[in-house]
Each structure stands twice: as structure tokens, then as C-alpha cells.
Protein backbone atom coordinates (compact mmCIF):
# COMPACT_ATOMS: atom_id res chain seq x y z
CA UNK A 1 119.59 68.29 99.11
CA UNK A 2 116.24 69.62 97.71
CA UNK A 3 116.23 73.16 96.70
CA UNK A 4 114.74 76.02 94.57
CA UNK A 5 117.47 76.91 92.18
CA UNK A 6 117.58 79.94 89.89
CA UNK A 7 119.87 78.72 87.02
CA UNK A 8 119.52 81.80 84.94
CA UNK A 9 117.45 84.85 84.32
CA UNK A 10 113.81 83.73 84.49
CA UNK A 11 114.68 80.03 84.97
CA UNK A 12 113.69 78.60 88.34
CA UNK A 13 113.85 74.86 89.05
CA UNK A 14 113.26 72.36 91.77
CA UNK A 15 116.50 70.68 92.11
CA UNK A 16 118.80 68.16 93.93
CA UNK A 17 121.93 69.99 94.83
CA UNK A 18 125.03 69.00 96.80
CA UNK A 19 124.97 69.92 100.55
CA UNK A 20 126.99 73.06 100.98
CA UNK A 21 130.32 72.80 102.62
CA UNK A 22 131.10 74.34 105.88
CA UNK A 23 133.56 77.20 105.72
CA UNK A 24 135.64 78.97 108.42
CA UNK A 25 133.53 81.44 110.45
CA UNK A 26 130.28 79.74 109.28
CA UNK A 27 127.63 77.54 110.47
CA UNK A 28 125.56 74.94 108.62
CA UNK A 29 121.84 75.54 109.06
CA UNK A 30 119.04 72.97 108.59
CA UNK A 31 116.35 75.37 107.26
CA UNK A 32 113.03 74.89 108.95
CA UNK A 33 111.07 77.90 107.57
CA UNK A 34 111.70 80.27 104.68
CA UNK A 35 109.45 83.03 103.32
CA UNK A 36 108.81 84.09 99.78
CA UNK A 37 109.20 87.86 99.12
CA UNK A 38 108.62 89.79 95.92
CA UNK A 39 112.28 90.63 95.94
CA UNK A 40 112.95 86.84 95.15
CA UNK A 41 110.72 87.31 92.05
CA UNK A 42 112.80 90.45 91.13
CA UNK A 43 116.01 88.40 91.70
CA UNK A 44 114.79 85.77 89.37
CA UNK A 45 114.08 88.26 86.60
CA UNK A 46 117.25 90.36 87.07
CA UNK A 47 115.45 93.43 88.58
CA UNK A 48 117.19 93.46 91.94
CA UNK A 49 120.83 93.70 92.85
CA UNK A 50 123.30 91.81 90.78
CA UNK A 51 120.96 88.76 90.44
CA UNK A 52 124.00 86.42 90.42
CA UNK A 53 123.13 83.02 88.79
CA UNK A 54 123.02 80.27 89.64
CA UNK A 55 121.70 80.96 93.21
CA UNK A 56 119.34 79.48 95.67
CA UNK A 57 116.97 82.26 96.62
CA UNK A 58 115.37 83.06 100.07
CA UNK A 59 116.40 85.74 102.48
CA UNK A 60 113.69 85.27 105.15
CA UNK A 61 114.56 82.04 107.04
CA UNK A 62 115.12 80.34 110.21
CA UNK A 63 116.40 76.93 111.29
CA UNK A 64 118.62 74.69 113.41
CA UNK A 65 122.45 74.76 113.59
CA UNK A 66 123.71 71.48 112.33
CA UNK A 67 127.32 72.10 112.46
CA UNK A 68 129.86 74.91 113.12
CA UNK A 69 133.44 75.60 111.90
CA UNK A 70 136.25 75.03 114.38
CA UNK A 71 136.80 78.83 114.72
CA UNK A 72 133.19 79.76 115.54
CA UNK A 73 132.24 80.65 119.14
CA UNK A 74 128.84 81.75 120.50
CA UNK A 75 126.98 79.43 118.24
CA UNK A 76 126.48 75.81 118.98
CA UNK A 77 124.96 72.63 117.33
CA UNK A 78 121.21 72.52 118.07
CA UNK A 79 120.72 76.27 118.38
CA UNK A 80 117.53 77.62 117.03
CA UNK A 81 118.29 80.63 114.90
CA UNK A 82 117.11 83.32 112.44
CA UNK A 83 119.38 84.73 109.67
CA UNK A 84 120.24 88.31 109.04
CA UNK A 85 120.70 87.94 105.13
CA UNK A 86 122.64 91.28 104.47
CA UNK A 87 126.37 91.02 103.81
CA UNK A 88 127.85 94.44 103.80
CA UNK A 89 131.50 95.11 102.94
CA UNK A 90 132.14 96.94 106.18
CA UNK A 91 134.63 99.42 104.62
CA UNK A 92 132.77 101.69 102.33
CA UNK A 93 131.62 105.21 103.57
CA UNK A 94 128.04 104.09 104.18
CA UNK A 95 129.21 101.07 106.22
CA UNK A 96 131.62 103.26 108.27
CA UNK A 97 128.63 105.48 109.07
CA UNK A 98 126.51 102.56 110.26
CA UNK A 99 124.40 102.49 107.10
CA UNK A 100 125.31 99.02 106.26
CA UNK A 101 122.00 98.62 104.26
CA UNK A 102 123.27 101.19 101.75
CA UNK A 103 126.60 99.49 101.35
CA UNK A 104 128.08 100.32 97.94
CA UNK A 105 128.82 96.48 97.56
CA UNK A 106 125.94 94.96 99.47
CA UNK A 107 125.54 91.29 99.03
CA UNK A 108 122.90 88.95 100.60
CA UNK A 109 121.97 85.47 101.17
CA UNK A 110 119.30 84.60 98.58
CA UNK A 111 120.50 87.19 96.23
CA UNK A 112 124.25 86.87 95.65
CA UNK A 113 124.84 83.81 98.01
CA UNK A 114 122.72 80.81 98.32
CA UNK A 115 119.97 81.36 100.65
CA UNK A 116 117.00 79.65 102.32
CA UNK A 117 114.95 77.88 99.83
CA UNK A 118 116.96 74.67 100.44
CA UNK A 119 117.21 72.03 103.08
CA UNK A 120 120.51 73.45 104.19
CA UNK A 121 122.27 76.81 104.14
CA UNK A 122 125.86 77.77 105.10
CA UNK A 123 125.73 81.17 106.96
CA UNK A 124 128.35 83.32 108.56
CA UNK A 125 127.96 82.76 112.34
CA UNK A 126 127.78 86.39 113.03
CA UNK A 127 124.70 86.61 111.02
CA UNK A 128 122.69 84.21 113.25
CA UNK A 129 120.31 85.26 116.06
CA UNK A 130 118.88 83.06 118.68
CA UNK A 131 115.02 82.68 118.64
CA UNK A 132 114.60 80.71 121.81
CA UNK A 133 111.29 78.83 121.70
CA UNK A 134 109.82 81.05 118.99
CA UNK A 135 108.13 78.85 116.26
CA UNK A 136 110.21 78.80 113.08
CA UNK A 137 107.35 80.18 110.92
CA UNK A 138 107.23 83.26 113.11
CA UNK A 139 110.98 83.58 113.36
CA UNK A 140 111.08 83.59 109.53
CA UNK A 141 108.99 86.83 109.70
CA UNK A 142 112.01 88.56 111.55
CA UNK A 143 113.61 89.71 108.22
CA UNK A 144 110.61 91.46 106.81
CA UNK A 145 109.68 92.92 110.16
CA UNK A 146 113.27 94.18 110.53
CA UNK A 147 112.73 96.02 107.10
CA UNK A 148 109.67 97.58 108.69
CA UNK A 149 111.55 98.58 111.69
CA UNK A 150 114.37 100.11 109.68
CA UNK A 151 111.62 102.11 107.92
CA UNK A 152 110.24 103.29 111.19
CA UNK A 153 113.66 104.32 112.32
CA UNK A 154 114.52 106.06 109.09
CA UNK A 155 111.30 108.11 109.31
CA UNK A 156 112.21 109.31 112.87
CA UNK A 157 109.19 107.45 114.27
CA UNK A 158 111.12 105.55 116.81
CA UNK A 159 112.85 108.64 118.25
CA UNK A 160 110.04 111.21 118.02
CA UNK A 161 108.45 111.90 121.43
CA UNK A 162 105.38 112.96 119.61
CA UNK A 163 104.19 109.56 118.53
CA UNK A 164 101.60 109.64 115.82
CA UNK A 165 97.92 109.24 116.83
CA UNK A 166 96.74 108.28 113.38
CA UNK A 167 98.55 106.36 110.76
CA UNK A 168 97.62 105.06 107.25
CA UNK A 169 99.39 102.45 105.20
CA UNK A 170 98.50 102.14 101.61
CA UNK A 171 98.62 98.52 100.39
CA UNK A 172 97.21 95.50 102.20
CA UNK A 173 99.73 92.89 101.10
CA UNK A 174 101.73 91.10 103.64
CA UNK A 175 104.53 93.70 104.07
CA UNK A 176 101.89 96.51 104.27
CA UNK A 177 99.96 94.61 106.95
CA UNK A 178 103.20 93.85 108.86
CA UNK A 179 103.96 97.59 108.82
CA UNK A 180 100.43 98.47 109.99
CA UNK A 181 100.69 95.87 112.80
CA UNK A 182 104.19 97.15 113.79
CA UNK A 183 102.65 100.70 114.10
CA UNK A 184 99.98 99.42 116.30
CA UNK A 185 102.42 97.54 118.39
CA UNK A 186 104.42 100.66 118.75
CA UNK A 187 101.45 102.44 120.32
CA UNK A 188 99.73 104.25 117.42
CA UNK A 189 96.06 104.50 118.47
CA UNK A 190 94.41 104.24 115.06
CA UNK A 191 96.06 102.39 112.15
CA UNK A 192 94.22 102.40 108.95
CA UNK A 193 95.02 100.29 105.73
CA UNK A 194 93.89 101.24 102.28
CA UNK A 195 93.57 98.78 99.31
CA UNK A 196 91.46 98.11 96.35
CA UNK A 197 90.87 94.41 97.05
CA UNK A 198 87.86 93.62 99.26
CA UNK A 199 89.17 90.29 100.61
CA UNK A 200 92.47 91.91 101.81
CA UNK A 201 90.45 94.82 103.43
CA UNK A 202 88.37 92.14 105.26
CA UNK A 203 91.52 90.42 106.43
CA UNK A 204 92.91 93.71 107.61
CA UNK A 205 89.81 94.32 109.50
CA UNK A 206 90.18 90.91 111.19
CA UNK A 207 93.51 91.83 112.34
CA UNK A 208 92.23 94.90 114.23
CA UNK A 209 93.13 97.44 111.65
CA UNK A 210 90.82 100.03 110.15
CA UNK A 211 90.06 99.07 106.47
CA UNK A 212 89.59 101.88 103.99
CA UNK A 213 88.81 101.15 100.31
CA UNK A 214 91.22 103.02 98.00
CA UNK A 215 89.58 105.79 96.05
CA UNK A 216 86.54 105.83 98.40
CA UNK A 217 84.79 108.90 99.77
CA UNK A 218 85.48 107.31 103.12
CA UNK A 219 89.21 107.62 102.57
CA UNK A 220 89.11 110.95 100.59
CA UNK A 221 87.26 112.47 103.65
CA UNK A 222 90.38 111.84 105.67
CA UNK A 223 92.84 113.89 103.56
CA UNK A 224 95.33 115.56 105.75
CA UNK A 225 94.11 113.39 108.60
CA UNK A 226 97.09 111.13 109.33
CA UNK A 227 100.14 111.92 111.34
CA UNK A 228 102.09 109.07 109.56
CA UNK A 229 101.50 107.84 106.03
CA UNK A 230 103.35 105.05 104.16
CA UNK A 231 103.09 103.47 100.68
CA UNK A 232 103.44 99.67 100.66
CA UNK A 233 102.30 99.17 97.06
CA UNK A 234 105.35 100.44 94.98
CA UNK A 235 102.95 102.19 92.55
CA UNK A 236 104.14 105.55 91.65
CA UNK A 237 100.66 107.09 91.38
CA UNK A 238 100.08 105.95 95.03
CA UNK A 239 103.37 107.25 96.19
CA UNK A 240 102.57 110.70 94.56
CA UNK A 241 99.19 110.93 96.52
CA UNK A 242 100.67 110.15 99.90
CA UNK A 243 101.16 113.91 100.99
CA UNK A 244 97.55 114.61 100.23
CA UNK A 245 96.84 112.22 103.38
CA UNK A 246 99.57 113.62 105.73
CA UNK A 247 98.59 116.09 108.33
CA UNK A 248 100.48 119.26 108.92
CA UNK A 249 103.73 118.33 110.58
CA UNK A 250 103.32 114.73 109.38
CA UNK A 251 105.55 112.08 108.02
CA UNK A 252 105.39 110.34 104.68
CA UNK A 253 107.39 107.06 104.19
CA UNK A 254 108.10 105.72 100.75
CA UNK A 255 108.39 102.13 101.80
CA UNK A 256 107.02 100.23 98.74
CA UNK A 257 109.57 99.52 95.76
CA UNK A 258 108.53 101.67 92.74
CA UNK A 259 110.25 101.00 89.47
CA UNK A 260 113.60 102.72 89.12
CA UNK A 261 112.45 104.74 86.22
CA UNK A 262 109.27 106.00 87.90
CA UNK A 263 108.91 109.61 88.63
CA UNK A 264 106.29 111.61 90.71
CA UNK A 265 105.44 115.33 91.08
CA UNK A 266 105.19 117.04 94.30
CA UNK A 267 104.99 120.62 95.56
CA UNK A 268 108.10 121.73 97.56
CA UNK A 269 106.06 124.74 98.80
CA UNK A 270 103.50 122.35 100.34
CA UNK A 271 106.32 120.43 102.10
CA UNK A 272 107.79 123.66 103.22
CA UNK A 273 104.49 125.26 104.38
CA UNK A 274 103.08 122.27 106.01
CA UNK A 275 106.41 121.19 107.46
CA UNK A 276 106.21 117.59 106.10
CA UNK A 277 108.95 115.00 106.47
CA UNK A 278 109.42 112.77 103.43
CA UNK A 279 111.72 109.76 103.84
CA UNK A 280 112.70 106.56 102.18
CA UNK A 281 113.75 103.11 103.52
CA UNK A 282 115.82 100.32 102.11
CA UNK A 283 116.01 96.71 103.54
CA UNK A 284 117.06 96.25 107.08
CA UNK A 285 120.07 97.48 109.05
CA UNK A 286 120.75 95.35 112.06
CA UNK A 287 117.11 95.12 113.39
CA UNK A 288 116.70 91.27 113.35
CA UNK A 289 117.06 91.13 117.15
CA UNK A 290 114.47 93.88 117.71
CA UNK A 291 112.12 92.17 115.34
CA UNK A 292 112.42 88.90 117.15
CA UNK A 293 111.67 90.65 120.50
CA UNK A 294 108.56 92.22 118.90
CA UNK A 295 107.56 88.80 117.51
CA UNK A 296 108.08 87.01 120.88
CA UNK A 297 105.74 89.68 122.41
CA UNK A 298 103.04 89.41 119.76
CA UNK A 299 99.92 87.49 120.55
CA UNK A 300 100.10 85.52 117.25
CA UNK A 301 98.53 88.22 115.05
CA UNK A 302 101.58 88.73 113.01
CA UNK A 303 101.81 85.00 112.49
CA UNK A 304 98.40 85.08 110.80
CA UNK A 305 100.04 86.79 107.89
CA UNK A 306 101.56 83.40 106.93
CA UNK A 307 98.84 82.08 104.60
CA UNK A 308 100.67 79.04 103.23
CA UNK A 309 103.20 76.66 104.87
CA UNK A 310 104.38 74.22 102.08
CA UNK A 311 106.85 71.61 101.45
CA UNK A 312 109.67 72.58 99.10
CA UNK A 313 108.22 70.68 96.06
CA UNK A 314 105.08 72.84 96.27
CA UNK A 315 106.76 76.22 96.35
CA UNK A 316 107.98 76.45 92.71
CA UNK A 317 104.59 77.75 91.32
CA UNK A 318 104.80 80.68 93.57
CA UNK A 319 107.91 81.86 91.86
CA UNK A 320 106.01 81.74 88.51
CA UNK A 321 103.56 84.21 87.10
CA UNK A 322 100.17 83.27 88.37
CA UNK A 323 101.26 81.29 91.36
CA UNK A 324 99.58 83.49 93.89
CA UNK A 325 96.08 85.12 94.20
CA UNK A 326 95.03 88.33 95.97
CA UNK A 327 94.08 86.13 98.96
CA UNK A 328 97.57 84.82 99.28
CA UNK A 329 99.66 86.62 102.02
CA UNK A 330 103.08 85.30 103.14
CA UNK A 331 104.08 81.96 101.59
CA UNK A 332 106.65 79.88 103.36
CA UNK A 333 108.55 76.76 102.84
CA UNK A 334 108.10 74.67 105.99
CA UNK A 335 110.34 71.56 106.72
CA UNK A 336 108.98 68.42 108.08
């Protein structure tokens, strides 16, 4: 089968691999769509998880069940499914507390196990979710959207009866825009997105979001004006500035992935005096089905985040430096 193959740190190839063997408790999936995430780049360069090599990357994918092991029930050949890539141990303290995304021995398809940038993938049956008639490219957005929903849950947004009226997401990349659209879908009246790139701001505006140039007087004039503020850049300086834009009693979500060694300075007195809530979020924690429900209700706006649908042979440059531009949003492998 054709696949993107990480054979070692910094070494990605377009390869012919043997079709994976079906194992007990698993299903063989013909991959129909698989999305590229910055995490895949980090895996390639040894900056995320254990970066086990060799490995087929890809943790945002959907496809058709081709075969199931004899002991599998509830999943049948021909089913259209999306994959939950996280593989927690199930026994550590975090897992026992229901925080499987914080598992001390967390593994994942596309990180430690072969994932979705291949024609076929063998996946534990319990990690498959039916997608009904949802197009595969939209279903492949379920994983990043589930990460967004985990962030909203961790922030207390989902359970707070005082839903924010105004929200700000800093970073107009695909994950930032997905977070902004999810906030809008969850009933936030005004969702603003800040970024330095004019083309990305224009795209955000076309999605029905309020576009604000980073560093502009227009943005500075709204300091302490947002009930919910999130970073989707992973830039420490941006993360440090978030509380400047949070209103009294507001929430700040550190959603972007800053470098492990990065540090920021904040005033604990300001957090105390203004009763701010600061929170972080990592990966997803069982929200694939909720994400699929949201995608099924969406009018197609979220699907506009997929800027490239490419055959496998054309995916490799996007794993390499310089393969993408500021105009690039979500890049997907699309079968057929």
C-alpha cells in the first residue's frame, strides 16, 4: 500500500508498505481522508511524545471498514467511520479519574502506532465512531474539533450557565478558526479572531468572524473586553498577553502549544482581584462523537477550513519545511 512513512527523525518518505495485518479486537480501515496537523511535523522531528520510528503519521482520519476480527461486535464491513486516535493505558491515576488524555503512558495512532496517512490502517474497533452520510473530509475534522471541545470543557465553558457574550481567539490558523467557529456554534454572540496575516483575517471575516489585526489600535481598544480569550498560536509572548484582553470574571484558555522551555510572567494579584480563570487543554478526551454531531449540524462553514484535498503522492512536501504558505489551511489526503 502507498503511505507516508517516517523512517527516522526528520526523515519522511513516500513509500510502498505491506498492508497491515488484522489483529483481534481490531478493524481494517480503508482511509478515505486524513488531515495534516502541526503535531505530525513535531512527531517527525522528535518534538512530540515518544516519536517512535518507523511510523505512519496521521491522527485525523476517517474511512470505510474493510474487515473486522472475529471477536469484534458492533462494527461491520462497509461502515463509514472516524477514528479516535488516543490509546490510553486505562489503569494509571489519570485514566481512573477519567482524564485519559493525560495518561502517563498515552499512545496514539499516527504517533506511536501507524496512523492515517496510508491506504489502510488497523484500528481498535472501540476507537471507531460511525459518521453516517457525513462526507469523509468533514469527518476527518472530528479529531481537531474534539480537541477544541475538550478545551471548552476544561475551561468550564460547557458547564457555565453564564455563557460568554464576547470571545477572542488569537491565531487564525485552521485550529484557531475551528475553535472560533465552535464558540460561535455554542452560542457566543461575538467571536473575534486576531492575527498578523491579512489573508487569514480576510478568510476569518468570510466565515462570519470578527477579524482584528494583532497589535492594532482596534484590538488594543478592546482590552479587558472579552469574556473568553484563547491563544491558538503557541507563541509565549501572545500567551502572556491574554489576560490583558480578558474581562473581569473572564476565562483565559492556553490552547496553543508553546515550547516546553517557554516561560511567561503574569500577576497573581490581577488574577485574584479580577477573578480570572486560567486553564490549559491537551488533546481530546472522548469527544469524537460530540464533534461529529457538531459537524453534522454545521452548514459547511467548518468544511471550508480544508484548503487542500490531495492524493497521497502530493502530501509529502507539506511535511517538509516550506511546503505550506500562510494561505494554506487544513491539508488532507483524499482517496479516490
